[in-house]
Amino acid sequence: MITGEGERAQPLGLGAEGVTVAVGRAMLLSELSLQVAPGERVALLGPNGAGKSTLLALFNAMLRPSTGRVMLDGEDVWSAGAARRAALRDRIATVFQRLEHNPLVPATVADVVGMAMPAAVRRNQAEVRERIDDALERMGIAAFARRPYRGLSGGEQQKVQLAMAVARRPGLILLDEPATGLDLDWQERLVAMLEELGSAAVAGVTIMLATHVVHQVPAGFDRVVLLKCGRVLFDGRASEAFTAERLGELYGCRVEVERRHGRTYCLGAGPARSEVAP
């Protein structure tokens, strides 16, 4: 699991209250409100451009909304001072679609994972080393420790990002299309890991998973938020979200829904009927 042996992170609660994010004339999020309780596991689904990454950036306290309030642990992030905001960020781990890294910097995989440590942990090099080794082992990439990060494939670099989240031992994990670049085997391993985190037996972390692939939503993520054009289309149970009607409205095409082995699969069935020529 993400949290370390014998310790519990304090899960963070999240809130967006009437949030709007505008860049020029583009409206990325529009008067969006959403509350996530500490310890909840939430899947955020939507097509490309729906605003999923923007919402995660708000909850990572890296993006300031144009209007509205972003709440972390019951606090208005942008009314808090810079030191308090930094302390909240130390309790968050984010796995991006792609990690921005200067290819000219000859960092090893262990170096990159070490960069994820909160400031308070970095003072203790023995703990840093233990966390790095533990995270690489858990992700099955201990053999990569001394390899140059810049020499890894895209999928291998994504595994390193997941190891960074493991090493951080956070109270909130934000996952932005985490299966990007992973082969089928590692996609399934990722879902299994998130299923473990989503089980009732595991506590101590709040998780928000953003994806546009329905079958990558693990069991245990029973709350699903459907996001389209910067607005919440639906917020509720997975069994009610994953219907042909709702997913067809979300993706703008006809779909068929199949359920196998406890997972839901969304299959395209052609363009929307209004777009089909008579």
C-alpha atoms as a PDB file:
ATOM      1  CA  MET A   1       0.000   0.000   0.000  1.00  0.00           C
ATOM      2  CA  ILE A   2       1.065   3.625  -0.285  1.00  0.00           C
ATOM      3  CA  THR A   3       1.444   4.432   3.390  1.00  0.00           C
ATOM      4  CA  GLY A   4       4.475   2.973   5.138  1.00  0.00           C
ATOM      5  CA  GLU A   5       4.525   0.034   7.523  1.00  0.00           C
ATOM      6  CA  GLY A   6       3.295   0.948  10.980  1.00  0.00           C
ATOM      7  CA  GLU A   7       2.285   4.518  10.183  1.00  0.00           C
ATOM      8  CA  ARG A   8      -0.864   6.310   9.129  1.00  0.00           C
ATOM      9  CA  ALA A   9      -1.046   9.462   7.099  1.00  0.00           C
ATOM     10  CA  GLN A  10      -3.750  11.952   8.028  1.00  0.00           C
ATOM     11  CA  PRO A  11      -6.140  12.017   5.069  1.00  0.00           C
ATOM     12  CA  LEU A  12      -6.965  15.408   3.576  1.00  0.00           C
ATOM     13  CA  GLY A  13     -10.470  16.597   2.802  1.00  0.00           C
ATOM     14  CA  LEU A  14     -10.995  18.597  -0.402  1.00  0.00           C
ATOM     15  CA  GLY A  15     -13.411  21.277  -1.467  1.00  0.00           C
ATOM     16  CA  ALA A  16     -14.120  23.457  -4.476  1.00  0.00           C
ATOM     17  CA  GLU A  17     -16.717  26.176  -3.926  1.00  0.00           C
ATOM     18  CA  GLY A  18     -18.024  27.986  -7.001  1.00  0.00           C
ATOM     19  CA  VAL A  19     -14.655  27.638  -8.724  1.00  0.00           C
ATOM     20  CA  THR A  20     -14.041  29.148 -12.142  1.00  0.00           C
ATOM     21  CA  VAL A  21     -10.760  28.901 -14.040  1.00  0.00           C
ATOM     22  CA  ALA A  22     -10.411  31.053 -17.150  1.00  0.00           C
ATOM     23  CA  VAL A  23      -7.366  31.472 -19.396  1.00  0.00           C
ATOM     24  CA  GLY A  24      -8.006  34.319 -21.796  1.00  0.00           C
ATOM     25  CA  ARG A  25     -11.359  33.591 -23.363  1.00  0.00           C
ATOM     26  CA  ALA A  26     -11.138  29.867 -22.612  1.00  0.00           C
ATOM     27  CA  MET A  27     -13.239  28.687 -19.671  1.00  0.00           C
ATOM     28  CA  LEU A  28     -11.522  25.582 -18.222  1.00  0.00           C
ATOM     29  CA  LEU A  29     -13.824  25.215 -15.211  1.00  0.00           C
ATOM     30  CA  SER A  30     -17.129  27.011 -14.719  1.00  0.00           C
ATOM     31  CA  GLU A  31     -18.663  27.610 -11.257  1.00  0.00           C
ATOM     32  CA  LEU A  32     -17.715  24.120 -10.143  1.00  0.00           C
ATOM     33  CA  SER A  33     -18.474  22.936  -6.617  1.00  0.00           C
ATOM     34  CA  LEU A  34     -17.287  19.621  -5.200  1.00  0.00           C
ATOM     35  CA  GLN A  35     -16.673  18.239  -1.706  1.00  0.00           C
ATOM     36  CA  VAL A  36     -14.515  15.189  -0.936  1.00  0.00           C
ATOM     37  CA  ALA A  37     -14.383  13.810   2.607  1.00  0.00           C
ATOM     38  CA  PRO A  38     -11.082  12.698   4.165  1.00  0.00           C
ATOM     39  CA  GLY A  39     -10.311   9.130   3.123  1.00  0.00           C
ATOM     40  CA  GLU A  40     -12.700   9.066   0.147  1.00  0.00           C
ATOM     41  CA  ARG A  41     -11.675   7.438  -3.140  1.00  0.00           C
ATOM     42  CA  VAL A  42     -13.078   9.372  -6.084  1.00  0.00           C
ATOM     43  CA  ALA A  43     -12.787   8.653  -9.803  1.00  0.00           C
ATOM     44  CA  LEU A  44     -12.959  11.720 -12.040  1.00  0.00           C
ATOM     45  CA  LEU A  45     -13.967  10.831 -15.597  1.00  0.00           C
ATOM     46  CA  GLY A  46     -14.304  12.933 -18.685  1.00  0.00           C
ATOM     47  CA  PRO A  47     -13.149  13.307 -22.275  1.00  0.00           C
ATOM     48  CA  ASN A  48      -9.989  15.167 -23.225  1.00  0.00           C
ATOM     49  CA  GLY A  49     -10.374  18.855 -22.409  1.00  0.00           C
ATOM     50  CA  ALA A  50     -13.092  18.286 -19.793  1.00  0.00           C
ATOM     51  CA  GLY A  51     -11.070  20.053 -17.080  1.00  0.00           C
ATOM     52  CA  LYS A  52      -9.790  17.026 -15.154  1.00  0.00           C
ATOM     53  CA  SER A  53      -6.139  18.112 -15.026  1.00  0.00           C
ATOM     54  CA  THR A  54      -7.182  21.664 -14.156  1.00  0.00           C
ATOM     55  CA  LEU A  55      -9.203  20.428 -11.179  1.00  0.00           C
ATOM     56  CA  LEU A  56      -6.284  18.326  -9.934  1.00  0.00           C
ATOM     57  CA  ALA A  57      -3.969  21.340 -10.237  1.00  0.00           C
ATOM     58  CA  LEU A  58      -6.386  23.298  -8.031  1.00  0.00           C
ATOM     59  CA  PHE A  59      -6.389  20.574  -5.387  1.00  0.00           C
ATOM     60  CA  ASN A  60      -2.589  20.400  -5.574  1.00  0.00           C
ATOM     61  CA  ALA A  61      -2.556  24.094  -4.549  1.00  0.00           C
ATOM     62  CA  MET A  62      -0.511  24.899  -7.640  1.00  0.00           C
ATOM     63  CA  LEU A  63      -3.214  26.752  -9.578  1.00  0.00           C
ATOM     64  CA  ARG A  64      -5.196  29.687  -8.220  1.00  0.00           C
ATOM     65  CA  PRO A  65      -8.822  29.860  -9.367  1.00  0.00           C
ATOM     66  CA  SER A  66     -10.135  32.892 -11.215  1.00  0.00           C
ATOM     67  CA  THR A  67     -13.096  32.946  -8.812  1.00  0.00           C
ATOM     68  CA  GLY A  68     -14.294  30.757  -5.946  1.00  0.00           C
ATOM     69  CA  ARG A  69     -12.492  28.970  -3.130  1.00  0.00           C
ATOM     70  CA  VAL A  70     -10.309  25.841  -2.997  1.00  0.00           C
ATOM     71  CA  MET A  71     -10.293  24.095   0.383  1.00  0.00           C
ATOM     72  CA  LEU A  72      -7.724  21.634   1.750  1.00  0.00           C
ATOM     73  CA  ASP A  73      -8.149  20.182   5.217  1.00  0.00           C
ATOM     74  CA  GLY A  74     -10.904  22.744   5.842  1.00  0.00           C
ATOM     75  CA  GLU A  75      -8.716  25.731   4.939  1.00  0.00           C
ATOM     76  CA  ASP A  76      -9.034  28.192   2.079  1.00  0.00           C
ATOM     77  CA  VAL A  77      -5.730  27.465   0.305  1.00  0.00           C
ATOM     78  CA  TRP A  78      -5.264  30.923  -1.177  1.00  0.00           C
ATOM     79  CA  SER A  79      -6.197  32.776   2.005  1.00  0.00           C
ATOM     80  CA  ALA A  80      -3.579  30.819   3.932  1.00  0.00           C
ATOM     81  CA  GLY A  81      -0.016  32.115   4.029  1.00  0.00           C
ATOM     82  CA  ALA A  82       2.719  30.735   1.784  1.00  0.00           C
ATOM     83  CA  ALA A  83       4.256  28.679   4.613  1.00  0.00           C
ATOM     84  CA  ARG A  84       0.946  27.019   5.445  1.00  0.00           C
ATOM     85  CA  ARG A  85       0.272  26.343   1.750  1.00  0.00           C
ATOM     86  CA  ALA A  86       3.693  24.675   1.465  1.00  0.00           C
ATOM     87  CA  ALA A  87       2.917  22.538   4.530  1.00  0.00           C
ATOM     88  CA  LEU A  88      -0.328  21.371   2.916  1.00  0.00           C
ATOM     89  CA  ARG A  89       1.495  20.547  -0.323  1.00  0.00           C
ATOM     90  CA  ASP A  90       3.892  18.361   1.668  1.00  0.00           C
ATOM     91  CA  ARG A  91       0.919  16.106   2.427  1.00  0.00           C
ATOM     92  CA  ILE A  92       0.031  15.671  -1.260  1.00  0.00           C
ATOM     93  CA  ALA A  93       1.470  13.344  -3.907  1.00  0.00           C
ATOM     94  CA  THR A  94       0.606  13.940  -7.557  1.00  0.00           C
ATOM     95  CA  VAL A  95       1.218  11.514 -10.412  1.00  0.00           C
ATOM     96  CA  PHE A  96       1.114  13.413 -13.686  1.00  0.00           C
ATOM     97  CA  GLN A  97       0.731  12.159 -17.242  1.00  0.00           C
ATOM     98  CA  ARG A  98       4.325  13.210 -17.775  1.00  0.00           C
ATOM     99  CA  LEU A  99       6.988  14.331 -15.314  1.00  0.00           C
ATOM    100  CA  GLU A 100       8.783  17.488 -16.415  1.00  0.00           C
ATOM    101  CA  HIS A 101      12.499  16.785 -16.036  1.00  0.00           C
ATOM    102  CA  ASN A 102      15.536  18.469 -17.549  1.00  0.00           C
ATOM    103  CA  PRO A 103      17.124  15.751 -19.751  1.00  0.00           C
ATOM    104  CA  LEU A 104      20.524  17.423 -19.332  1.00  0.00           C
ATOM    105  CA  VAL A 105      20.504  16.731 -15.574  1.00  0.00           C
ATOM    106  CA  PRO A 106      22.133  13.298 -15.020  1.00  0.00           C
ATOM    107  CA  ALA A 107      19.786  12.217 -12.208  1.00  0.00           C
ATOM    108  CA  THR A 108      19.378   8.550 -11.368  1.00  0.00           C
ATOM    109  CA  VAL A 109      16.023   6.937 -10.648  1.00  0.00           C
ATOM    110  CA  ALA A 110      16.854   6.977  -6.924  1.00  0.00           C
ATOM    111  CA  ASP A 111      17.677  10.688  -7.162  1.00  0.00           C
ATOM    112  CA  VAL A 112      14.330  11.441  -8.812  1.00  0.00           C
ATOM    113  CA  VAL A 113      12.365   9.468  -6.207  1.00  0.00           C
ATOM    114  CA  GLY A 114      14.299  11.267  -3.482  1.00  0.00           C
ATOM    115  CA  MET A 115      13.134  14.607  -4.874  1.00  0.00           C
ATOM    116  CA  ALA A 116       9.597  13.703  -3.768  1.00  0.00           C
ATOM    117  CA  MET A 117      10.414  13.777  -0.066  1.00  0.00           C
ATOM    118  CA  PRO A 118       8.798  16.459   2.110  1.00  0.00           C
ATOM    119  CA  ALA A 119      11.247  18.994   3.501  1.00  0.00           C
ATOM    120  CA  ALA A 120      10.989  17.591   7.033  1.00  0.00           C
ATOM    121  CA  VAL A 121      11.993  14.117   5.830  1.00  0.00           C
ATOM    122  CA  ARG A 122      14.954  15.314   3.764  1.00  0.00           C
ATOM    123  CA  ARG A 123      16.776  16.269   6.976  1.00  0.00           C
ATOM    124  CA  ASN A 124      17.123  12.563   7.815  1.00  0.00           C
ATOM    125  CA  GLN A 125      19.154  10.865   5.079  1.00  0.00           C
ATOM    126  CA  ALA A 126      18.704   7.421   6.603  1.00  0.00           C
ATOM    127  CA  GLU A 127      14.913   7.755   6.350  1.00  0.00           C
ATOM    128  CA  VAL A 128      15.190   9.136   2.817  1.00  0.00           C
ATOM    129  CA  ARG A 129      17.246   6.097   1.760  1.00  0.00           C
ATOM    130  CA  GLU A 130      14.804   3.714   3.460  1.00  0.00           C
ATOM    131  CA  ARG A 131      11.812   5.335   1.759  1.00  0.00           C
ATOM    132  CA  ILE A 132      13.496   5.246  -1.674  1.00  0.00           C
ATOM    133  CA  ASP A 133      14.421   1.569  -1.349  1.00  0.00           C
ATOM    134  CA  ASP A 134      10.970   0.660  -0.060  1.00  0.00           C
ATOM    135  CA  ALA A 135       9.157   2.550  -2.830  1.00  0.00           C
ATOM    136  CA  LEU A 136      11.279   1.077  -5.627  1.00  0.00           C
ATOM    137  CA  GLU A 137      10.784  -2.411  -4.201  1.00  0.00           C
ATOM    138  CA  ARG A 138       7.010  -1.966  -3.927  1.00  0.00           C
ATOM    139  CA  MET A 139       6.823  -0.800  -7.546  1.00  0.00           C
ATOM    140  CA  GLY A 140       9.014  -3.672  -8.762  1.00  0.00           C
ATOM    141  CA  ILE A 141      11.741  -1.388 -10.108  1.00  0.00           C
ATOM    142  CA  ALA A 142      14.502  -1.781  -7.514  1.00  0.00           C
ATOM    143  CA  ALA A 143      16.883  -2.768 -10.323  1.00  0.00           C
ATOM    144  CA  PHE A 144      16.384   0.715 -11.835  1.00  0.00           C
ATOM    145  CA  ALA A 145      17.801   2.575  -8.811  1.00  0.00           C
ATOM    146  CA  ARG A 146      21.133   3.568 -10.398  1.00  0.00           C
ATOM    147  CA  ARG A 147      19.922   3.903 -13.951  1.00  0.00           C
ATOM    148  CA  PRO A 148      19.741   7.425 -15.466  1.00  0.00           C
ATOM    149  CA  TYR A 149      16.136   8.603 -15.385  1.00  0.00           C
ATOM    150  CA  ARG A 150      16.496  10.256 -18.798  1.00  0.00           C
ATOM    151  CA  GLY A 151      17.332   6.867 -20.353  1.00  0.00           C
ATOM    152  CA  LEU A 152      14.070   5.204 -19.322  1.00  0.00           C
ATOM    153  CA  SER A 153      11.121   4.596 -21.611  1.00  0.00           C
ATOM    154  CA  GLY A 154       7.937   6.582 -21.090  1.00  0.00           C
ATOM    155  CA  GLY A 155       6.293   3.664 -19.293  1.00  0.00           C
ATOM    156  CA  GLU A 156       9.312   3.133 -17.057  1.00  0.00           C
ATOM    157  CA  GLN A 157       9.342   6.830 -16.162  1.00  0.00           C
ATOM    158  CA  GLN A 158       5.660   6.542 -15.212  1.00  0.00           C
ATOM    159  CA  LYS A 159       6.537   3.732 -12.801  1.00  0.00           C
ATOM    160  CA  VAL A 160       9.128   6.026 -11.222  1.00  0.00           C
ATOM    161  CA  GLN A 161       6.416   8.655 -10.732  1.00  0.00           C
ATOM    162  CA  LEU A 162       4.294   6.084  -8.920  1.00  0.00           C
ATOM    163  CA  ALA A 163       7.305   5.236  -6.746  1.00  0.00           C
ATOM    164  CA  MET A 164       7.617   8.939  -5.909  1.00  0.00           C
ATOM    165  CA  ALA A 165       4.040   8.892  -4.623  1.00  0.00           C
ATOM    166  CA  VAL A 166       4.749   5.747  -2.580  1.00  0.00           C
ATOM    167  CA  ALA A 167       7.861   7.320  -1.030  1.00  0.00           C
ATOM    168  CA  ARG A 168       6.042  10.506  -0.088  1.00  0.00           C
ATOM    169  CA  ARG A 169       3.547   8.653   2.152  1.00  0.00           C
ATOM    170  CA  PRO A 170       0.912  11.359   1.700  1.00  0.00           C
ATOM    171  CA  GLY A 171      -2.545  12.117   3.008  1.00  0.00           C
ATOM    172  CA  LEU A 172      -3.801  12.879  -0.512  1.00  0.00           C
ATOM    173  CA  ILE A 173      -2.926  11.250  -3.822  1.00  0.00           C
ATOM    174  CA  LEU A 174      -3.905  12.921  -7.090  1.00  0.00           C
ATOM    175  CA  LEU A 175      -3.519  10.702 -10.157  1.00  0.00           C
ATOM    176  CA  ASP A 176      -3.725  12.330 -13.583  1.00  0.00           C
ATOM    177  CA  GLU A 177      -4.118   9.603 -16.221  1.00  0.00           C
ATOM    178  CA  PRO A 178      -1.564   7.427 -14.352  1.00  0.00           C
ATOM    179  CA  ALA A 179      -1.713   4.563 -16.871  1.00  0.00           C
ATOM    180  CA  THR A 180      -0.312   6.757 -19.655  1.00  0.00           C
ATOM    181  CA  GLY A 181       2.635   4.980 -21.268  1.00  0.00           C
ATOM    182  CA  LEU A 182       2.179   1.752 -19.318  1.00  0.00           C
ATOM    183  CA  ASP A 183       1.892  -1.583 -21.099  1.00  0.00           C
ATOM    184  CA  LEU A 184      -1.131  -3.811 -20.460  1.00  0.00           C
ATOM    185  CA  ASP A 185       0.546  -5.765 -17.669  1.00  0.00           C
ATOM    186  CA  TRP A 186       1.437  -2.593 -15.755  1.00  0.00           C
ATOM    187  CA  GLN A 187      -1.971  -1.064 -16.374  1.00  0.00           C
ATOM    188  CA  GLU A 188      -3.474  -4.084 -14.623  1.00  0.00           C
ATOM    189  CA  ARG A 189      -0.909  -3.887 -11.814  1.00  0.00           C
ATOM    190  CA  LEU A 190      -1.772  -0.242 -11.320  1.00  0.00           C
ATOM    191  CA  VAL A 191      -5.492  -0.997 -11.086  1.00  0.00           C
ATOM    192  CA  ALA A 192      -4.745  -3.770  -8.575  1.00  0.00           C
ATOM    193  CA  MET A 193      -2.666  -1.391  -6.449  1.00  0.00           C
ATOM    194  CA  LEU A 194      -5.455   1.184  -6.468  1.00  0.00           C
ATOM    195  CA  GLU A 195      -7.985  -1.516  -5.625  1.00  0.00           C
ATOM    196  CA  GLU A 196      -5.928  -2.270  -2.519  1.00  0.00           C
ATOM    197  CA  LEU A 197      -5.929   1.402  -1.615  1.00  0.00           C
ATOM    198  CA  GLY A 198      -9.663   1.584  -2.235  1.00  0.00           C
ATOM    199  CA  SER A 199     -10.472  -1.367   0.009  1.00  0.00           C
ATOM    200  CA  ALA A 200     -12.193  -0.733   3.306  1.00  0.00           C
ATOM    201  CA  ALA A 201      -9.222  -2.258   5.157  1.00  0.00           C
ATOM    202  CA  VAL A 202      -6.844   0.494   4.054  1.00  0.00           C
ATOM    203  CA  ALA A 203      -7.144   3.914   5.688  1.00  0.00           C
ATOM    204  CA  GLY A 204      -5.117   7.072   5.891  1.00  0.00           C
ATOM    205  CA  VAL A 205      -5.219   8.490   2.387  1.00  0.00           C
ATOM    206  CA  THR A 206      -7.667  10.385   0.168  1.00  0.00           C
ATOM    207  CA  ILE A 207      -7.416   9.550  -3.538  1.00  0.00           C
ATOM    208  CA  MET A 208      -8.687  11.275  -6.659  1.00  0.00           C
ATOM    209  CA  LEU A 209      -8.077   9.438  -9.922  1.00  0.00           C
ATOM    210  CA  ALA A 210      -8.588  11.300 -13.211  1.00  0.00           C
ATOM    211  CA  THR A 211      -8.996   9.173 -16.315  1.00  0.00           C
ATOM    212  CA  HIS A 212     -11.026   8.919 -19.480  1.00  0.00           C
ATOM    213  CA  VAL A 213     -10.899   5.093 -19.515  1.00  0.00           C
ATOM    214  CA  VAL A 214     -13.791   3.546 -17.618  1.00  0.00           C
ATOM    215  CA  HIS A 215     -12.249   0.109 -17.023  1.00  0.00           C
ATOM    216  CA  GLN A 216      -9.246   1.690 -15.264  1.00  0.00           C
ATOM    217  CA  VAL A 217     -11.500   2.733 -12.375  1.00  0.00           C
ATOM    218  CA  PRO A 218     -10.710   0.195  -9.637  1.00  0.00           C
ATOM    219  CA  ALA A 219     -13.137  -1.507  -7.304  1.00  0.00           C
ATOM    220  CA  GLY A 220     -13.452   0.548  -4.137  1.00  0.00           C
ATOM    221  CA  PHE A 221     -13.716   3.845  -6.041  1.00  0.00           C
ATOM    222  CA  ASP A 222     -17.460   3.833  -5.647  1.00  0.00           C
ATOM    223  CA  ARG A 223     -17.903   7.580  -6.072  1.00  0.00           C
ATOM    224  CA  VAL A 224     -17.619   8.809  -9.648  1.00  0.00           C
ATOM    225  CA  VAL A 225     -17.655  12.411 -10.864  1.00  0.00           C
ATOM    226  CA  LEU A 226     -18.354  12.870 -14.575  1.00  0.00           C
ATOM    227  CA  LEU A 227     -16.844  16.103 -15.874  1.00  0.00           C
ATOM    228  CA  LYS A 228     -17.635  17.682 -19.240  1.00  0.00           C
ATOM    229  CA  CYS A 229     -16.743  21.140 -20.560  1.00  0.00           C
ATOM    230  CA  GLY A 230     -15.598  22.258 -17.119  1.00  0.00           C
ATOM    231  CA  ARG A 231     -18.847  21.336 -15.351  1.00  0.00           C
ATOM    232  CA  VAL A 232     -19.994  18.412 -13.224  1.00  0.00           C
ATOM    233  CA  LEU A 233     -22.326  16.287 -15.320  1.00  0.00           C
ATOM    234  CA  PHE A 234     -22.913  13.672 -12.617  1.00  0.00           C
ATOM    235  CA  ASP A 235     -21.666  12.970  -9.086  1.00  0.00           C
ATOM    236  CA  GLY A 236     -22.669   9.729  -7.421  1.00  0.00           C
ATOM    237  CA  ARG A 237     -22.250   5.984  -7.236  1.00  0.00           C
ATOM    238  CA  ALA A 238     -20.310   4.127  -9.916  1.00  0.00           C
ATOM    239  CA  SER A 239     -23.268   1.835 -10.608  1.00  0.00           C
ATOM    240  CA  GLU A 240     -25.349   4.899 -11.522  1.00  0.00           C
ATOM    241  CA  ALA A 241     -22.578   6.674 -13.427  1.00  0.00           C
ATOM    242  CA  PHE A 242     -21.578   3.770 -15.652  1.00  0.00           C
ATOM    243  CA  THR A 243     -24.664   3.460 -17.816  1.00  0.00           C
ATOM    244  CA  ALA A 244     -24.825   3.663 -21.592  1.00  0.00           C
ATOM    245  CA  GLU A 245     -27.004   6.763 -21.398  1.00  0.00           C
ATOM    246  CA  ARG A 246     -24.747   8.708 -19.037  1.00  0.00           C
ATOM    247  CA  LEU A 247     -21.480   7.671 -20.668  1.00  0.00           C
ATOM    248  CA  GLY A 248     -22.911   8.395 -24.111  1.00  0.00           C
ATOM    249  CA  GLU A 249     -23.775  11.911 -22.954  1.00  0.00           C
ATOM    250  CA  LEU A 250     -20.318  12.293 -21.432  1.00  0.00           C
ATOM    251  CA  TYR A 251     -18.363  11.229 -24.503  1.00  0.00           C
ATOM    252  CA  GLY A 252     -20.761  12.498 -27.151  1.00  0.00           C
ATOM    253  CA  CYS A 253     -21.182   9.196 -28.962  1.00  0.00           C
ATOM    254  CA  ARG A 254     -23.144   5.974 -28.713  1.00  0.00           C
ATOM    255  CA  VAL A 255     -21.673   3.473 -26.264  1.00  0.00           C
ATOM    256  CA  GLU A 256     -22.265  -0.020 -24.980  1.00  0.00           C
ATOM    257  CA  VAL A 257     -21.468  -0.972 -21.392  1.00  0.00           C
ATOM    258  CA  GLU A 258     -20.217  -4.396 -20.326  1.00  0.00           C
ATOM    259  CA  ARG A 259     -19.378  -5.619 -16.837  1.00  0.00           C
ATOM    260  CA  ARG A 260     -16.810  -8.372 -16.390  1.00  0.00           C
ATOM    261  CA  HIS A 261     -14.938  -9.609 -13.309  1.00  0.00           C
ATOM    262  CA  GLY A 262     -16.169  -6.678 -11.235  1.00  0.00           C
ATOM    263  CA  ARG A 263     -14.975  -4.068 -13.767  1.00  0.00           C
ATOM    264  CA  THR A 264     -16.991  -1.910 -16.171  1.00  0.00           C
ATOM    265  CA  TYR A 265     -15.996  -1.519 -19.823  1.00  0.00           C
ATOM    266  CA  CYS A 266     -17.259   1.224 -22.122  1.00  0.00           C
ATOM    267  CA  LEU A 267     -17.233   0.335 -25.821  1.00  0.00           C
ATOM    268  CA  GLY A 268     -17.811   2.827 -28.617  1.00  0.00           C
ATOM    269  CA  ALA A 269     -20.829   1.995 -30.789  1.00  0.00           C
ATOM    270  CA  GLY A 270     -20.662   4.749 -33.395  1.00  0.00           C
ATOM    271  CA  PRO A 271     -21.297   8.496 -33.527  1.00  0.00           C
ATOM    272  CA  ALA A 272     -24.309  10.066 -31.864  1.00  0.00           C
ATOM    273  CA  ARG A 273     -27.482   9.376 -33.834  1.00  0.00           C
ATOM    274  CA  SER A 274     -27.966  13.090 -34.551  1.00  0.00           C
ATOM    275  CA  GLU A 275     -24.617  13.046 -36.390  1.00  0.00           C
ATOM    276  CA  VAL A 276     -25.446  10.067 -38.581  1.00  0.00           C
ATOM    277  CA  ALA A 277     -26.451  11.026 -42.111  1.00  0.00           C
ATOM    278  CA  PRO A 278     -29.958   9.854 -43.092  1.00  0.00           C
END
